[in-house]
Amino acid sequence: MIVSRTLVLTFLLLSGAASAADFVGQASVIDGDTLDIHGTRIRLWGVDAPESNQLCRGADSNLYRCGAKAANELDSFIARRPVSCTSVSADQYGRTVATCLVGTADLGEWLVSNGLALDWPRYSHGRYSAAQRDADRSGRGMWAGSYVEPWLYRACIRSGGTPSNCSDDANAHP
């Protein structure tokens, strides 16, 4: 009887810990807002980073691959440290949508604060809006030049556009 109670208590404690952080481990960065932890694709909740082949204009008006920059900067920030993610939902592609932390840093907030991703109010309900305003005022990342919102870029590509013309604000609106 004591052994079965101990097993039940152990199970309850372990299942409670699992719900506090559904996924913990070393993350591979897939793109600016998607990670892989132990074979599970995790889409960061509430933010939208440029696509890997998306172009932005820097402060010098030259084009650069802002999606690739977001992914590379995120990978450097994580720096092989453990990532802890708490599941929020699943998206239409079957990925887990989650908030993820490295230490105490929310990766979504870090991306938005550095101008590498946008607050996606449709999902975040403005959770990262203050970080975005600060990045905008400070001219960090995409805010230093010009960009097309990633959701508009994807819509343009789906409508038959090319990465170069969909990255141009004049052509990105289908």
N, C-alpha and C. Protein backbone atom coordinates (compact mmCIF):
# COMPACT_ATOMS: atom_id res chain seq x y z
N MET A 1 0.82 -1.19 0.00
CA MET A 1 0.00 0.00 0.00
C MET A 1 0.87 1.27 0.00
N ILE A 2 1.91 1.28 0.84
CA ILE A 2 2.79 2.43 0.91
C ILE A 2 3.53 2.61 -0.42
N VAL A 3 3.95 1.50 -1.03
CA VAL A 3 4.66 1.58 -2.30
C VAL A 3 3.74 2.16 -3.38
N SER A 4 2.48 1.73 -3.42
CA SER A 4 1.56 2.25 -4.45
C SER A 4 1.27 3.73 -4.22
N ARG A 5 1.15 4.16 -2.98
CA ARG A 5 0.95 5.59 -2.70
C ARG A 5 2.17 6.40 -3.13
N THR A 6 3.35 5.86 -2.85
CA THR A 6 4.58 6.53 -3.25
C THR A 6 4.65 6.66 -4.76
N LEU A 7 4.28 5.59 -5.47
CA LEU A 7 4.28 5.64 -6.93
C LEU A 7 3.27 6.65 -7.46
N VAL A 8 2.10 6.71 -6.86
CA VAL A 8 1.08 7.67 -7.29
C VAL A 8 1.56 9.10 -7.03
N LEU A 9 2.12 9.35 -5.85
CA LEU A 9 2.64 10.68 -5.54
C LEU A 9 3.78 11.06 -6.48
N THR A 10 4.67 10.13 -6.76
CA THR A 10 5.77 10.40 -7.69
C THR A 10 5.23 10.74 -9.07
N PHE A 11 4.25 9.97 -9.54
CA PHE A 11 3.65 10.24 -10.85
C PHE A 11 3.01 11.63 -10.87
N LEU A 12 2.26 11.98 -9.82
CA LEU A 12 1.62 13.29 -9.78
C LEU A 12 2.63 14.42 -9.76
N LEU A 13 3.70 14.25 -9.02
CA LEU A 13 4.74 15.28 -8.99
C LEU A 13 5.42 15.42 -10.35
N LEU A 14 5.72 14.29 -10.99
CA LEU A 14 6.36 14.35 -12.30
C LEU A 14 5.44 14.93 -13.37
N SER A 15 4.17 14.58 -13.33
CA SER A 15 3.25 15.12 -14.33
C SER A 15 3.02 16.61 -14.11
N GLY A 16 3.06 17.07 -12.88
CA GLY A 16 2.95 18.51 -12.60
C GLY A 16 4.16 19.24 -13.12
N ALA A 17 5.33 18.65 -12.98
CA ALA A 17 6.54 19.29 -13.49
C ALA A 17 6.52 19.34 -15.01
N ALA A 18 5.96 18.30 -15.64
CA ALA A 18 5.91 18.29 -17.10
C ALA A 18 4.99 19.37 -17.63
N SER A 19 3.92 19.67 -16.92
CA SER A 19 3.02 20.71 -17.42
C SER A 19 3.60 22.10 -17.21
N ALA A 20 4.53 22.25 -16.26
CA ALA A 20 5.16 23.55 -16.07
C ALA A 20 6.10 23.86 -17.24
N ALA A 21 6.75 22.87 -17.78
CA ALA A 21 7.59 23.04 -18.97
C ALA A 21 7.45 21.76 -19.79
N ASP A 22 6.70 21.85 -20.88
CA ASP A 22 6.42 20.67 -21.68
C ASP A 22 7.65 20.13 -22.39
N PHE A 23 8.55 21.02 -22.80
CA PHE A 23 9.74 20.62 -23.54
C PHE A 23 10.94 21.35 -22.95
N VAL A 24 11.96 20.58 -22.60
CA VAL A 24 13.19 21.17 -22.10
C VAL A 24 14.34 20.45 -22.78
N GLY A 25 15.28 21.22 -23.28
CA GLY A 25 16.44 20.59 -23.89
C GLY A 25 17.19 21.54 -24.78
N GLN A 26 18.16 20.99 -25.47
CA GLN A 26 18.92 21.78 -26.42
C GLN A 26 18.08 21.97 -27.67
N ALA A 27 17.93 23.20 -28.10
CA ALA A 27 17.09 23.52 -29.25
C ALA A 27 17.94 23.73 -30.50
N SER A 28 17.40 23.25 -31.61
CA SER A 28 17.95 23.60 -32.92
C SER A 28 17.05 24.68 -33.47
N VAL A 29 17.63 25.74 -34.00
CA VAL A 29 16.86 26.83 -34.58
C VAL A 29 16.55 26.46 -36.02
N ILE A 30 15.26 26.39 -36.34
CA ILE A 30 14.81 26.07 -37.69
C ILE A 30 14.70 27.35 -38.51
N ASP A 31 14.08 28.35 -37.94
CA ASP A 31 14.04 29.69 -38.52
C ASP A 31 13.84 30.67 -37.38
N GLY A 32 13.56 31.92 -37.69
CA GLY A 32 13.52 32.97 -36.67
C GLY A 32 12.47 32.79 -35.59
N ASP A 33 11.45 31.98 -35.84
CA ASP A 33 10.42 31.78 -34.82
C ASP A 33 10.04 30.31 -34.65
N THR A 34 10.91 29.40 -35.08
CA THR A 34 10.63 27.96 -34.95
C THR A 34 11.88 27.24 -34.45
N LEU A 35 11.66 26.39 -33.45
CA LEU A 35 12.72 25.59 -32.85
C LEU A 35 12.40 24.11 -33.00
N ASP A 36 13.38 23.28 -32.76
CA ASP A 36 13.18 21.85 -32.66
C ASP A 36 13.85 21.41 -31.37
N ILE A 37 13.08 20.73 -30.54
CA ILE A 37 13.63 20.15 -29.30
C ILE A 37 13.24 18.68 -29.29
N HIS A 38 14.22 17.81 -29.30
CA HIS A 38 14.00 16.37 -29.28
C HIS A 38 13.03 15.92 -30.36
N GLY A 39 13.15 16.47 -31.57
CA GLY A 39 12.30 16.05 -32.68
C GLY A 39 10.92 16.69 -32.73
N THR A 40 10.64 17.61 -31.83
CA THR A 40 9.35 18.30 -31.82
C THR A 40 9.55 19.71 -32.33
N ARG A 41 8.78 20.06 -33.38
CA ARG A 41 8.83 21.42 -33.92
C ARG A 41 8.00 22.32 -33.03
N ILE A 42 8.60 23.44 -32.64
CA ILE A 42 7.95 24.38 -31.73
C ILE A 42 7.95 25.76 -32.37
N ARG A 43 6.75 26.28 -32.58
CA ARG A 43 6.55 27.63 -33.13
C ARG A 43 6.41 28.57 -31.95
N LEU A 44 7.22 29.62 -31.90
CA LEU A 44 7.15 30.56 -30.78
C LEU A 44 5.83 31.32 -30.82
N TRP A 45 5.17 31.34 -29.70
CA TRP A 45 3.85 31.96 -29.57
C TRP A 45 3.95 33.48 -29.63
N GLY A 46 3.01 34.10 -30.34
CA GLY A 46 2.81 35.54 -30.26
C GLY A 46 3.74 36.41 -31.08
N VAL A 47 4.68 35.81 -31.82
CA VAL A 47 5.60 36.60 -32.62
C VAL A 47 5.65 36.05 -34.04
N ASP A 48 6.08 36.88 -34.96
CA ASP A 48 6.26 36.45 -36.34
C ASP A 48 7.57 37.04 -36.84
N ALA A 49 8.52 36.16 -37.17
CA ALA A 49 9.81 36.58 -37.70
C ALA A 49 9.78 36.49 -39.22
N PRO A 50 10.59 37.28 -39.90
CA PRO A 50 10.66 37.18 -41.36
C PRO A 50 11.02 35.76 -41.79
N GLU A 51 10.55 35.39 -42.97
CA GLU A 51 10.86 34.08 -43.53
C GLU A 51 12.34 34.02 -43.91
N SER A 52 12.88 32.82 -43.99
CA SER A 52 14.31 32.64 -44.23
C SER A 52 14.81 33.34 -45.49
N ASN A 53 13.99 33.36 -46.55
CA ASN A 53 14.43 33.99 -47.79
C ASN A 53 13.89 35.40 -47.96
N GLN A 54 13.30 35.96 -46.90
CA GLN A 54 12.74 37.31 -46.96
C GLN A 54 13.85 38.35 -46.87
N LEU A 55 13.66 39.43 -47.61
CA LEU A 55 14.64 40.51 -47.63
C LEU A 55 14.08 41.74 -46.92
N CYS A 56 14.95 42.47 -46.25
CA CYS A 56 14.62 43.76 -45.64
C CYS A 56 15.67 44.76 -46.12
N ARG A 57 15.40 46.02 -45.92
CA ARG A 57 16.38 47.06 -46.22
C ARG A 57 16.95 47.57 -44.91
N GLY A 58 18.26 47.66 -44.86
CA GLY A 58 18.92 48.19 -43.68
C GLY A 58 18.91 49.70 -43.67
N ALA A 59 19.50 50.28 -42.66
CA ALA A 59 19.59 51.74 -42.55
C ALA A 59 20.32 52.34 -43.75
N ASP A 60 21.18 51.55 -44.38
CA ASP A 60 21.93 52.01 -45.56
C ASP A 60 21.15 51.81 -46.87
N SER A 61 19.90 51.36 -46.77
CA SER A 61 19.01 51.07 -47.91
C SER A 61 19.41 49.82 -48.70
N ASN A 62 20.44 49.11 -48.28
CA ASN A 62 20.82 47.86 -48.94
C ASN A 62 19.96 46.72 -48.43
N LEU A 63 19.67 45.77 -49.33
CA LEU A 63 18.89 44.59 -48.96
C LEU A 63 19.74 43.62 -48.16
N TYR A 64 19.12 42.95 -47.20
CA TYR A 64 19.78 41.88 -46.47
C TYR A 64 18.73 40.82 -46.14
N ARG A 65 19.18 39.62 -45.90
CA ARG A 65 18.27 38.51 -45.59
C ARG A 65 17.89 38.57 -44.11
N CYS A 66 16.81 39.33 -43.84
CA CYS A 66 16.41 39.56 -42.45
C CYS A 66 15.89 38.29 -41.77
N GLY A 67 15.30 37.37 -42.54
CA GLY A 67 14.86 36.11 -41.95
C GLY A 67 16.04 35.25 -41.51
N ALA A 68 17.04 35.18 -42.36
CA ALA A 68 18.26 34.44 -42.00
C ALA A 68 18.95 35.11 -40.81
N LYS A 69 18.96 36.44 -40.79
CA LYS A 69 19.58 37.17 -39.67
C LYS A 69 18.86 36.85 -38.36
N ALA A 70 17.52 36.82 -38.39
CA ALA A 70 16.75 36.50 -37.18
C ALA A 70 17.11 35.11 -36.66
N ALA A 71 17.18 34.13 -37.57
CA ALA A 71 17.51 32.76 -37.17
C ALA A 71 18.93 32.69 -36.61
N ASN A 72 19.88 33.33 -37.27
CA ASN A 72 21.27 33.29 -36.80
C ASN A 72 21.44 33.98 -35.46
N GLU A 73 20.78 35.13 -35.29
CA GLU A 73 20.87 35.85 -34.01
C GLU A 73 20.23 35.04 -32.87
N LEU A 74 19.09 34.40 -33.16
CA LEU A 74 18.43 33.57 -32.15
C LEU A 74 19.33 32.41 -31.76
N ASP A 75 19.95 31.77 -32.74
CA ASP A 75 20.86 30.66 -32.46
C ASP A 75 22.03 31.12 -31.60
N SER A 76 22.57 32.29 -31.91
CA SER A 76 23.69 32.83 -31.10
C SER A 76 23.24 33.15 -29.69
N PHE A 77 22.02 33.69 -29.55
CA PHE A 77 21.53 34.04 -28.22
C PHE A 77 21.31 32.78 -27.37
N ILE A 78 20.73 31.75 -27.97
CA ILE A 78 20.50 30.51 -27.22
C ILE A 78 21.83 29.88 -26.82
N ALA A 79 22.79 29.89 -27.74
CA ALA A 79 24.17 29.45 -27.46
C ALA A 79 24.24 28.08 -26.76
N ARG A 80 23.46 27.13 -27.26
CA ARG A 80 23.46 25.75 -26.75
C ARG A 80 23.00 25.62 -25.30
N ARG A 81 22.45 26.70 -24.75
CA ARG A 81 21.89 26.60 -23.39
C ARG A 81 20.55 25.87 -23.45
N PRO A 82 20.10 25.27 -22.35
CA PRO A 82 18.81 24.59 -22.36
C PRO A 82 17.66 25.57 -22.59
N VAL A 83 16.70 25.14 -23.40
CA VAL A 83 15.50 25.92 -23.68
C VAL A 83 14.33 25.19 -23.02
N SER A 84 13.48 25.96 -22.37
CA SER A 84 12.31 25.42 -21.68
C SER A 84 11.06 26.02 -22.32
N CYS A 85 10.19 25.16 -22.85
CA CYS A 85 9.00 25.63 -23.56
C CYS A 85 7.73 25.11 -22.90
N THR A 86 6.74 25.98 -22.80
CA THR A 86 5.43 25.62 -22.29
C THR A 86 4.42 25.74 -23.42
N SER A 87 3.80 24.64 -23.73
CA SER A 87 2.87 24.56 -24.84
C SER A 87 1.64 25.44 -24.61
N VAL A 88 1.21 26.14 -25.66
CA VAL A 88 0.00 26.96 -25.62
C VAL A 88 -1.08 26.31 -26.48
N SER A 89 -0.68 25.81 -27.67
CA SER A 89 -1.63 25.19 -28.60
C SER A 89 -0.84 24.47 -29.69
N ALA A 90 -1.55 24.09 -30.75
CA ALA A 90 -0.91 23.55 -31.95
C ALA A 90 -1.35 24.41 -33.12
N ASP A 91 -0.47 24.52 -34.14
CA ASP A 91 -0.87 25.32 -35.30
C ASP A 91 -1.38 24.43 -36.42
N GLN A 92 -1.74 25.04 -37.53
CA GLN A 92 -2.34 24.31 -38.65
C GLN A 92 -1.37 23.34 -39.31
N TYR A 93 -0.08 23.48 -39.03
CA TYR A 93 0.91 22.58 -39.61
C TYR A 93 1.32 21.47 -38.63
N GLY A 94 0.65 21.39 -37.50
CA GLY A 94 0.93 20.36 -36.51
C GLY A 94 2.06 20.68 -35.56
N ARG A 95 2.61 21.90 -35.67
CA ARG A 95 3.68 22.28 -34.74
C ARG A 95 3.08 22.66 -33.40
N THR A 96 3.84 22.43 -32.36
CA THR A 96 3.48 22.90 -31.03
C THR A 96 3.74 24.40 -31.00
N VAL A 97 2.77 25.17 -30.52
CA VAL A 97 2.96 26.61 -30.32
C VAL A 97 3.21 26.80 -28.83
N ALA A 98 4.31 27.46 -28.50
CA ALA A 98 4.72 27.54 -27.10
C ALA A 98 5.46 28.83 -26.80
N THR A 99 5.46 29.18 -25.53
CA THR A 99 6.36 30.22 -25.05
C THR A 99 7.61 29.49 -24.58
N CYS A 100 8.76 30.05 -24.90
CA CYS A 100 10.02 29.38 -24.58
C CYS A 100 10.97 30.34 -23.88
N LEU A 101 11.70 29.79 -22.94
CA LEU A 101 12.65 30.57 -22.15
C LEU A 101 14.05 29.98 -22.26
N VAL A 102 15.03 30.87 -22.23
CA VAL A 102 16.42 30.49 -21.98
C VAL A 102 16.75 31.22 -20.69
N GLY A 103 16.97 30.46 -19.64
CA GLY A 103 17.09 31.08 -18.32
C GLY A 103 15.76 31.74 -18.01
N THR A 104 15.78 33.04 -17.77
CA THR A 104 14.53 33.77 -17.52
C THR A 104 14.10 34.61 -18.72
N ALA A 105 14.85 34.53 -19.82
CA ALA A 105 14.54 35.34 -21.00
C ALA A 105 13.51 34.65 -21.89
N ASP A 106 12.39 35.33 -22.11
CA ASP A 106 11.35 34.87 -23.04
C ASP A 106 11.89 35.08 -24.46
N LEU A 107 12.01 34.02 -25.23
CA LEU A 107 12.60 34.13 -26.57
C LEU A 107 11.77 35.01 -27.50
N GLY A 108 10.45 34.96 -27.38
CA GLY A 108 9.60 35.83 -28.20
C GLY A 108 9.87 37.29 -27.89
N GLU A 109 9.93 37.61 -26.63
CA GLU A 109 10.19 38.99 -26.23
C GLU A 109 11.59 39.42 -26.66
N TRP A 110 12.56 38.53 -26.54
CA TRP A 110 13.92 38.85 -26.95
C TRP A 110 13.97 39.16 -28.44
N LEU A 111 13.31 38.35 -29.26
CA LEU A 111 13.29 38.58 -30.70
C LEU A 111 12.66 39.93 -31.04
N VAL A 112 11.52 40.22 -30.43
CA VAL A 112 10.82 41.48 -30.70
C VAL A 112 11.65 42.66 -30.19
N SER A 113 12.21 42.54 -29.01
CA SER A 113 13.02 43.62 -28.42
C SER A 113 14.22 43.99 -29.29
N ASN A 114 14.74 43.00 -30.01
CA ASN A 114 15.91 43.24 -30.85
C ASN A 114 15.55 43.53 -32.31
N GLY A 115 14.26 43.70 -32.59
CA GLY A 115 13.83 44.02 -33.94
C GLY A 115 14.01 42.89 -34.93
N LEU A 116 14.04 41.67 -34.44
CA LEU A 116 14.23 40.49 -35.29
C LEU A 116 12.91 39.80 -35.62
N ALA A 117 11.86 40.15 -34.91
CA ALA A 117 10.52 39.61 -35.14
C ALA A 117 9.52 40.68 -34.72
N LEU A 118 8.28 40.48 -35.12
CA LEU A 118 7.21 41.41 -34.76
C LEU A 118 6.26 40.78 -33.77
N ASP A 119 5.72 41.61 -32.90
CA ASP A 119 4.61 41.19 -32.07
C ASP A 119 3.48 40.86 -33.03
N TRP A 120 2.83 39.72 -32.85
CA TRP A 120 1.73 39.32 -33.72
C TRP A 120 0.45 39.42 -32.93
N PRO A 121 -0.15 40.63 -32.89
CA PRO A 121 -1.28 40.88 -31.99
C PRO A 121 -2.47 39.96 -32.21
N ARG A 122 -2.61 39.40 -33.41
CA ARG A 122 -3.69 38.45 -33.68
C ARG A 122 -3.63 37.29 -32.69
N TYR A 123 -2.42 36.93 -32.28
CA TYR A 123 -2.23 35.81 -31.36
C TYR A 123 -1.78 36.27 -29.97
N SER A 124 -0.92 37.28 -29.93
CA SER A 124 -0.32 37.70 -28.65
C SER A 124 -1.22 38.62 -27.84
N HIS A 125 -2.20 39.21 -28.50
CA HIS A 125 -3.07 40.21 -27.87
C HIS A 125 -2.24 41.34 -27.26
N GLY A 126 -1.12 41.65 -27.94
CA GLY A 126 -0.28 42.78 -27.54
C GLY A 126 0.73 42.49 -26.45
N ARG A 127 0.95 41.24 -26.13
CA ARG A 127 1.89 40.91 -25.04
C ARG A 127 3.27 41.51 -25.27
N TYR A 128 3.70 41.58 -26.54
CA TYR A 128 5.04 42.08 -26.84
C TYR A 128 5.01 43.48 -27.44
N SER A 129 3.91 44.17 -27.33
CA SER A 129 3.79 45.50 -27.97
C SER A 129 4.75 46.52 -27.36
N ALA A 130 4.96 46.48 -26.07
CA ALA A 130 5.89 47.44 -25.44
C ALA A 130 7.31 47.19 -25.93
N ALA A 131 7.69 45.92 -26.04
CA ALA A 131 9.03 45.58 -26.55
C ALA A 131 9.17 46.05 -27.99
N GLN A 132 8.09 45.93 -28.77
CA GLN A 132 8.15 46.36 -30.16
C GLN A 132 8.27 47.88 -30.27
N ARG A 133 7.51 48.60 -29.45
CA ARG A 133 7.62 50.07 -29.46
C ARG A 133 9.03 50.51 -29.12
N ASP A 134 9.64 49.84 -28.14
CA ASP A 134 11.00 50.17 -27.75
C ASP A 134 12.00 49.89 -28.88
N ALA A 135 11.85 48.75 -29.55
CA ALA A 135 12.73 48.41 -30.67
C ALA A 135 12.57 49.42 -31.80
N ASP A 136 11.32 49.82 -32.06
CA ASP A 136 11.03 50.81 -33.11
C ASP A 136 11.70 52.15 -32.77
N ARG A 137 11.47 52.63 -31.55
CA ARG A 137 12.05 53.92 -31.13
C ARG A 137 13.57 53.92 -31.16
N SER A 138 14.15 52.76 -30.87
CA SER A 138 15.61 52.64 -30.82
C SER A 138 16.22 52.28 -32.16
N GLY A 139 15.37 51.96 -33.15
CA GLY A 139 15.88 51.61 -34.48
C GLY A 139 16.66 50.31 -34.51
N ARG A 140 16.24 49.34 -33.70
CA ARG A 140 16.95 48.05 -33.67
C ARG A 140 16.40 47.11 -34.74
N GLY A 141 17.28 46.31 -35.32
CA GLY A 141 16.89 45.27 -36.27
C GLY A 141 16.14 45.83 -37.47
N MET A 142 14.99 45.24 -37.77
CA MET A 142 14.20 45.66 -38.94
C MET A 142 13.78 47.11 -38.86
N TRP A 143 13.69 47.65 -37.66
CA TRP A 143 13.24 49.03 -37.48
C TRP A 143 14.28 50.04 -37.94
N ALA A 144 15.50 49.60 -38.21
CA ALA A 144 16.54 50.51 -38.70
C ALA A 144 16.31 50.90 -40.15
N GLY A 145 15.56 50.08 -40.87
CA GLY A 145 15.31 50.34 -42.29
C GLY A 145 13.84 50.10 -42.61
N SER A 146 13.59 49.27 -43.62
CA SER A 146 12.21 48.96 -44.00
C SER A 146 12.04 47.46 -44.18
N TYR A 147 10.82 47.01 -44.05
CA TYR A 147 10.52 45.58 -44.13
C TYR A 147 9.04 45.43 -44.50
N VAL A 148 8.68 44.22 -44.85
CA VAL A 148 7.29 43.83 -45.06
C VAL A 148 6.94 42.88 -43.93
N GLU A 149 5.77 43.05 -43.34
CA GLU A 149 5.35 42.14 -42.28
C GLU A 149 5.39 40.71 -42.81
N PRO A 150 5.91 39.79 -42.02
CA PRO A 150 6.05 38.41 -42.49
C PRO A 150 4.73 37.79 -42.97
N TRP A 151 3.62 38.11 -42.33
CA TRP A 151 2.34 37.55 -42.75
C TRP A 151 1.94 38.07 -44.13
N LEU A 152 2.30 39.32 -44.45
CA LEU A 152 2.03 39.86 -45.79
C LEU A 152 2.99 39.27 -46.82
N TYR A 153 4.22 39.05 -46.42
CA TYR A 153 5.20 38.41 -47.30
C TYR A 153 4.71 37.02 -47.71
N ARG A 154 4.26 36.22 -46.73
CA ARG A 154 3.78 34.87 -47.04
C ARG A 154 2.56 34.92 -47.96
N ALA A 155 1.65 35.86 -47.73
CA ALA A 155 0.47 35.99 -48.60
C ALA A 155 0.89 36.33 -50.02
N CYS A 156 1.87 37.19 -50.17
CA CYS A 156 2.38 37.57 -51.49
C CYS A 156 2.99 36.36 -52.20
N ILE A 157 3.78 35.58 -51.49
CA ILE A 157 4.40 34.38 -52.06
C ILE A 157 3.31 33.39 -52.49
N ARG A 158 2.28 33.19 -51.65
CA ARG A 158 1.18 32.29 -51.99
C ARG A 158 0.43 32.77 -53.24
N SER A 159 0.44 34.07 -53.47
CA SER A 159 -0.23 34.64 -54.65
C SER A 159 0.65 34.60 -55.90
N GLY A 160 1.81 33.98 -55.80
CA GLY A 160 2.68 33.81 -56.96
C GLY A 160 3.84 34.78 -57.03
N GLY A 161 4.04 35.59 -56.01
CA GLY A 161 5.16 36.53 -56.01
C GLY A 161 6.49 35.85 -55.76
N THR A 162 7.54 36.58 -56.02
CA THR A 162 8.90 36.09 -55.77
C THR A 162 9.44 36.72 -54.49
N PRO A 163 10.44 36.09 -53.88
CA PRO A 163 11.00 36.68 -52.66
C PRO A 163 11.43 38.14 -52.84
N SER A 164 12.02 38.48 -53.98
CA SER A 164 12.48 39.86 -54.14
C SER A 164 11.33 40.85 -54.28
N ASN A 165 10.29 40.51 -55.06
CA ASN A 165 9.22 41.50 -55.17
C ASN A 165 8.26 41.46 -53.98
N CYS A 166 8.16 40.33 -53.29
CA CYS A 166 7.29 40.28 -52.10
C CYS A 166 7.94 40.96 -50.90
N SER A 167 9.27 41.13 -50.95
CA SER A 167 9.97 41.83 -49.88
C SER A 167 9.90 43.33 -50.04
N ASP A 168 9.44 43.77 -51.22
CA ASP A 168 9.28 45.19 -51.51
C ASP A 168 7.88 45.62 -51.09
N ASP A 169 7.79 46.58 -50.21
CA ASP A 169 6.51 46.96 -49.64
C ASP A 169 5.47 47.33 -50.70
N ALA A 170 5.88 47.87 -51.82
CA ALA A 170 4.93 48.27 -52.87
C ALA A 170 4.24 47.07 -53.51
N ASN A 171 4.89 45.91 -53.50
CA ASN A 171 4.35 44.73 -54.17
C ASN A 171 3.80 43.67 -53.22
N ALA A 172 4.03 43.81 -51.93
CA ALA A 172 3.74 42.74 -50.99
C ALA A 172 2.27 42.60 -50.63
N HIS A 173 1.47 43.57 -50.95
CA HIS A 173 0.06 43.56 -50.54
C HIS A 173 -0.78 42.95 -51.65
N PRO A 174 -1.18 41.67 -51.49
CA PRO A 174 -1.93 40.99 -52.55
C PRO A 174 -3.31 41.59 -52.78
